[in-house]
Amino acid sequence: IVYDETAGHPASLPPTEPGPLPARSEPSQGQIVSILPSPEYVRDGILYLTTDQGSLYRSTDRGQTWARLRGGLPDGPYLTLDLAISPGFGSDQTLFVGGFHGEFWGEGVYRSMDAGDSWQPMWQDLMHLRVYDVTLSPDYATDGTVLAYSNYQRVDPWQGGASIFRSTDRGLSWTLITTETQASGLPSPDVVLPALSAPTIQFRRSDYGQAVERSLDGGNAWQPLTVTRQPDFYVQSVLKSPTFAPDP
């Protein structure tokens, strides 16, 4: 984007827009798909609402009135947004959003530290931008950990699937944790997050089941293993012994 060829300043971000929620009789405005209360709802009365057209709304009076949040958020057709609220929202006012347009365009992850008034992209090392789920650690206030679940499609080599990226610095940078050919094969957040405090040896299949990889640091780095298999057989899964610690 060229703002000005003579060193101008970026245009100001569009402000929030007070207004009614989408009406059921107007599908083009989107249908409500989620309502998330602030962790401090009893005290602050804040609600967030998303639609299937990629709009994000906020109410600060327990749902009596609403405003559409803009401030740098992506826009456009076929947009889907997934909102995550910091467990410490009452003090840090932090929100995360992951987004994508259909199957052809990713928006990555955005972060707001002012309850949604303004947003900044958090893309450093986030190679897969079709983010469909963002999850924060229950201990986000202390460990700063965020997970981003994404879909991806590589051209060379031709490969598609789903992945998990992890950030331990509140979204400033990301590390690829694992990939699978389908999103259903990815581990859930409650499986991934405990490994942060106690890294363990992990295994995963790769290259569509033709190879196996191992991590010695809880998923931060992966190395290929030598696996002998029949030509027409593929690895479906790798399971560790129940007594893996003493017997490897």
Protein backbone atom coordinates (compact mmCIF):
# COMPACT_ATOMS: atom_id res chain seq x y z
CA ILE A 1 0.00 0.00 0.00
CA VAL A 2 1.41 3.38 -1.00
CA TYR A 3 0.28 6.06 1.42
CA ASP A 4 2.20 8.94 -0.12
CA GLU A 5 5.14 9.03 -2.51
CA THR A 6 6.62 12.02 -0.66
CA ALA A 7 6.84 10.48 2.83
CA GLY A 8 3.35 11.12 4.06
CA HIS A 9 1.67 9.71 7.15
CA PRO A 10 -0.76 6.76 7.14
CA ALA A 11 -4.42 7.64 7.11
CA SER A 12 -6.15 7.54 10.46
CA LEU A 13 -7.85 4.26 11.33
CA PRO A 14 -11.64 4.13 10.90
CA PRO A 15 -13.37 4.58 14.27
CA THR A 16 -15.96 2.34 15.86
CA GLU A 17 -19.43 2.78 14.40
CA PRO A 18 -22.39 2.93 16.80
CA GLY A 19 -25.44 1.25 15.35
CA PRO A 20 -27.91 -1.63 15.56
CA LEU A 21 -27.00 -5.27 15.21
CA PRO A 22 -27.67 -7.04 11.87
CA ALA A 23 -31.34 -7.80 11.28
CA ARG A 24 -32.42 -11.34 10.42
CA SER A 25 -34.23 -9.93 7.38
CA GLU A 26 -30.96 -8.61 5.92
CA PRO A 27 -28.62 -11.60 5.32
CA SER A 28 -26.04 -9.36 3.63
CA GLN A 29 -25.27 -7.87 7.05
CA GLY A 30 -24.41 -11.28 8.44
CA GLN A 31 -25.88 -13.53 11.09
CA ILE A 32 -24.72 -13.64 14.70
CA VAL A 33 -22.39 -16.59 15.31
CA SER A 34 -20.91 -15.91 18.76
CA ILE A 35 -21.40 -13.76 21.85
CA LEU A 36 -18.50 -13.53 24.30
CA PRO A 37 -18.72 -11.71 27.64
CA SER A 38 -15.79 -9.98 29.25
CA PRO A 39 -14.23 -12.02 32.09
CA GLU A 40 -15.21 -9.00 34.22
CA TYR A 41 -18.77 -8.81 32.85
CA VAL A 42 -20.38 -8.55 36.27
CA ARG A 43 -18.35 -5.38 36.84
CA ASP A 44 -17.86 -3.86 33.35
CA GLY A 45 -20.93 -5.12 31.43
CA ILE A 46 -18.90 -5.61 28.22
CA LEU A 47 -20.02 -8.05 25.52
CA TYR A 48 -18.44 -8.93 22.16
CA LEU A 49 -20.34 -10.34 19.20
CA THR A 50 -19.20 -11.72 15.83
CA THR A 51 -21.16 -12.36 12.62
CA ASP A 52 -20.63 -14.74 9.74
CA GLN A 53 -19.76 -11.74 7.53
CA GLY A 54 -16.68 -10.92 9.59
CA SER A 55 -18.09 -8.06 11.64
CA LEU A 56 -17.14 -7.56 15.30
CA TYR A 57 -19.41 -5.64 17.67
CA ARG A 58 -18.99 -4.46 21.26
CA SER A 59 -21.50 -3.46 23.89
CA THR A 60 -20.47 -1.67 27.07
CA ASP A 61 -23.94 -1.59 28.62
CA ARG A 62 -24.85 -5.29 28.87
CA GLY A 63 -26.25 -5.48 25.35
CA GLN A 64 -28.50 -2.42 25.31
CA THR A 65 -26.48 -0.67 22.58
CA TRP A 66 -23.76 -1.85 20.20
CA ALA A 67 -20.92 -0.48 18.09
CA ARG A 68 -19.09 -2.16 15.23
CA LEU A 69 -15.34 -2.26 15.92
CA ARG A 70 -13.03 -1.18 13.08
CA GLY A 71 -9.73 0.50 13.97
CA GLY A 72 -7.54 -1.56 11.62
CA LEU A 73 -9.47 -4.85 11.50
CA PRO A 74 -9.62 -6.56 8.08
CA ASP A 75 -12.74 -6.17 5.96
CA GLY A 76 -14.16 -7.58 2.74
CA PRO A 77 -16.36 -10.41 1.42
CA TYR A 78 -16.41 -13.96 2.80
CA LEU A 79 -14.54 -12.84 5.93
CA THR A 80 -14.57 -15.00 9.07
CA LEU A 81 -13.20 -13.71 12.37
CA ASP A 82 -12.47 -15.68 15.54
CA LEU A 83 -12.20 -13.66 18.77
CA ALA A 84 -10.22 -14.54 21.90
CA ILE A 85 -10.37 -12.46 25.09
CA SER A 86 -7.48 -12.25 27.53
CA PRO A 87 -8.19 -13.94 30.89
CA GLY A 88 -6.82 -10.74 32.43
CA PHE A 89 -9.01 -8.47 30.32
CA GLY A 90 -10.03 -6.43 33.34
CA SER A 91 -6.49 -5.09 33.66
CA ASP A 92 -4.84 -5.57 30.23
CA GLN A 93 -7.85 -4.85 27.92
CA THR A 94 -6.35 -7.31 25.41
CA LEU A 95 -8.15 -9.07 22.57
CA PHE A 96 -6.93 -11.27 19.71
CA VAL A 97 -8.63 -11.97 16.39
CA GLY A 98 -7.78 -14.54 13.73
CA GLY A 99 -9.32 -14.32 10.28
CA PHE A 100 -9.55 -15.55 6.70
CA HIS A 101 -11.58 -15.01 3.52
CA GLY A 102 -13.05 -18.28 2.27
CA GLU A 103 -10.38 -20.73 1.11
CA PHE A 104 -8.23 -18.25 -0.76
CA TRP A 105 -6.99 -15.48 1.54
CA GLY A 106 -5.62 -15.31 5.09
CA GLU A 107 -5.66 -12.33 7.43
CA GLY A 108 -3.43 -13.77 10.15
CA VAL A 109 -3.77 -12.55 13.73
CA TYR A 110 -4.60 -9.08 15.04
CA ARG A 111 -4.23 -7.79 18.59
CA SER A 112 -5.95 -4.98 20.46
CA MET A 113 -4.78 -3.64 23.81
CA ASP A 114 -7.54 -1.08 24.24
CA ALA A 115 -10.63 -3.32 24.37
CA GLY A 116 -11.05 -3.26 20.58
CA ASP A 117 -10.76 0.40 19.61
CA SER A 118 -7.56 -0.16 17.60
CA TRP A 119 -5.86 -3.26 16.17
CA GLN A 120 -2.39 -4.20 14.96
CA PRO A 121 -1.37 -7.22 12.85
CA MET A 122 0.76 -9.80 14.66
CA TRP A 123 2.38 -11.64 11.72
CA GLN A 124 6.07 -12.09 12.60
CA ASP A 125 6.99 -15.69 11.59
CA LEU A 126 3.30 -16.59 11.17
CA MET A 127 3.68 -18.41 7.84
CA HIS A 128 0.09 -19.70 7.57
CA LEU A 129 -2.37 -16.80 7.66
CA ARG A 130 -5.72 -18.56 7.22
CA VAL A 131 -6.24 -18.55 10.99
CA TYR A 132 -9.56 -20.03 12.07
CA ASP A 133 -9.04 -20.32 15.84
CA VAL A 134 -7.07 -18.28 18.38
CA THR A 135 -6.66 -19.56 21.94
CA LEU A 136 -4.95 -17.86 24.88
CA SER A 137 -3.25 -19.66 27.74
CA PRO A 138 -5.16 -19.56 31.03
CA ASP A 139 -1.89 -18.09 32.41
CA TYR A 140 -1.59 -15.53 29.60
CA ALA A 141 -0.88 -12.75 32.09
CA THR A 142 2.37 -14.44 33.11
CA ASP A 143 3.39 -16.66 30.17
CA GLY A 144 2.09 -14.52 27.27
CA THR A 145 1.17 -17.64 25.29
CA VAL A 146 -1.19 -17.63 22.30
CA LEU A 147 -2.07 -20.46 19.90
CA ALA A 148 -3.15 -19.90 16.28
CA TYR A 149 -4.82 -22.74 14.38
CA SER A 150 -4.53 -22.29 10.60
CA ASN A 151 -5.24 -23.89 7.25
CA TYR A 152 -2.58 -23.73 4.55
CA GLN A 153 -1.76 -24.74 0.99
CA ARG A 154 1.82 -24.89 -0.31
CA VAL A 155 2.59 -24.70 -4.02
CA ASP A 156 6.13 -26.12 -4.03
CA PRO A 157 6.09 -28.75 -2.77
CA TRP A 158 2.34 -29.17 -3.30
CA GLN A 159 0.97 -29.79 0.17
CA GLY A 160 -2.08 -28.71 2.10
CA GLY A 161 -3.36 -29.18 5.62
CA ALA A 162 -3.75 -27.52 8.98
CA SER A 163 -1.21 -26.23 11.49
CA ILE A 164 -0.71 -24.83 14.96
CA PHE A 165 1.52 -21.82 15.63
CA ARG A 166 2.49 -20.73 19.14
CA SER A 167 3.59 -17.36 20.47
CA THR A 168 5.11 -16.93 23.93
CA ASP A 169 5.57 -13.14 23.66
CA ARG A 170 1.93 -12.03 23.35
CA GLY A 171 1.79 -12.38 19.57
CA LEU A 172 5.00 -10.56 18.64
CA SER A 173 6.55 -13.69 17.09
CA TRP A 174 5.37 -17.21 16.28
CA THR A 175 6.75 -20.74 16.07
CA LEU A 176 5.25 -23.63 14.09
CA ILE A 177 4.25 -26.42 16.48
CA THR A 178 2.78 -29.10 14.25
CA THR A 179 0.97 -29.77 10.98
CA GLU A 180 -1.62 -32.34 9.91
CA THR A 181 -3.32 -33.13 6.63
CA GLN A 182 -6.68 -32.27 8.24
CA ALA A 183 -7.66 -29.91 11.05
CA SER A 184 -9.35 -32.79 12.87
CA GLY A 185 -5.93 -34.36 13.38
CA LEU A 186 -4.50 -31.41 15.30
CA PRO A 187 -4.23 -31.66 19.10
CA SER A 188 -6.60 -29.52 21.14
CA PRO A 189 -5.32 -26.47 23.04
CA ASP A 190 -5.51 -28.25 26.40
CA VAL A 191 -3.06 -30.82 25.03
CA VAL A 192 -0.65 -28.26 23.56
CA LEU A 193 -0.58 -25.70 26.35
CA PRO A 194 0.64 -27.95 29.25
CA ALA A 195 3.80 -28.72 27.24
CA LEU A 196 4.84 -25.10 27.68
CA SER A 197 5.81 -25.55 31.30
CA ALA A 198 7.22 -29.07 30.94
CA PRO A 199 8.66 -29.73 27.45
CA THR A 200 8.61 -33.40 26.50
CA ILE A 201 9.77 -35.58 23.63
CA GLN A 202 7.09 -35.60 20.93
CA PHE A 203 6.61 -37.42 17.63
CA ARG A 204 4.52 -36.66 14.57
CA ARG A 205 4.05 -38.05 11.09
CA SER A 206 4.99 -35.85 8.14
CA ASP A 207 5.05 -35.83 4.35
CA TYR A 208 1.57 -37.39 4.21
CA GLY A 209 2.62 -40.36 6.32
CA GLN A 210 5.82 -41.13 4.46
CA ALA A 211 8.06 -39.84 7.27
CA VAL A 212 8.23 -39.31 11.03
CA GLU A 213 9.68 -36.37 12.95
CA ARG A 214 10.75 -35.94 16.59
CA SER A 215 10.93 -32.91 18.86
CA LEU A 216 13.08 -32.82 21.99
CA ASP A 217 11.89 -29.40 23.21
CA GLY A 218 8.12 -29.70 23.41
CA GLY A 219 7.46 -28.87 19.76
CA ASN A 220 9.68 -25.87 19.10
CA ALA A 221 11.99 -27.73 16.70
CA TRP A 222 11.55 -30.96 14.75
CA GLN A 223 14.05 -33.42 13.23
CA PRO A 224 13.35 -36.22 10.72
CA LEU A 225 13.81 -39.83 11.87
CA THR A 226 14.87 -42.85 9.86
CA VAL A 227 11.83 -45.10 9.44
CA THR A 228 11.86 -48.44 7.62
CA ARG A 229 8.47 -49.27 6.09
CA GLN A 230 7.01 -51.19 3.20
CA PRO A 231 6.59 -49.09 0.00
CA ASP A 232 2.79 -49.26 0.04
CA PHE A 233 2.35 -48.60 3.76
CA TYR A 234 2.00 -45.18 5.38
CA VAL A 235 2.36 -43.99 8.95
CA GLN A 236 -1.02 -43.16 10.46
CA SER A 237 0.14 -42.21 13.96
CA VAL A 238 3.03 -42.50 16.39
CA LEU A 239 2.31 -43.60 19.96
CA LYS A 240 4.72 -43.54 22.85
CA SER A 241 5.03 -46.40 25.30
CA PRO A 242 3.02 -45.92 28.52
CA THR A 243 6.38 -46.27 30.31
CA PHE A 244 8.27 -44.09 27.83
CA ALA A 245 10.38 -42.30 30.44
CA PRO A 246 12.29 -45.40 31.64
CA ASP A 247 12.21 -47.54 28.47
CA PRO A 248 12.37 -44.87 25.57
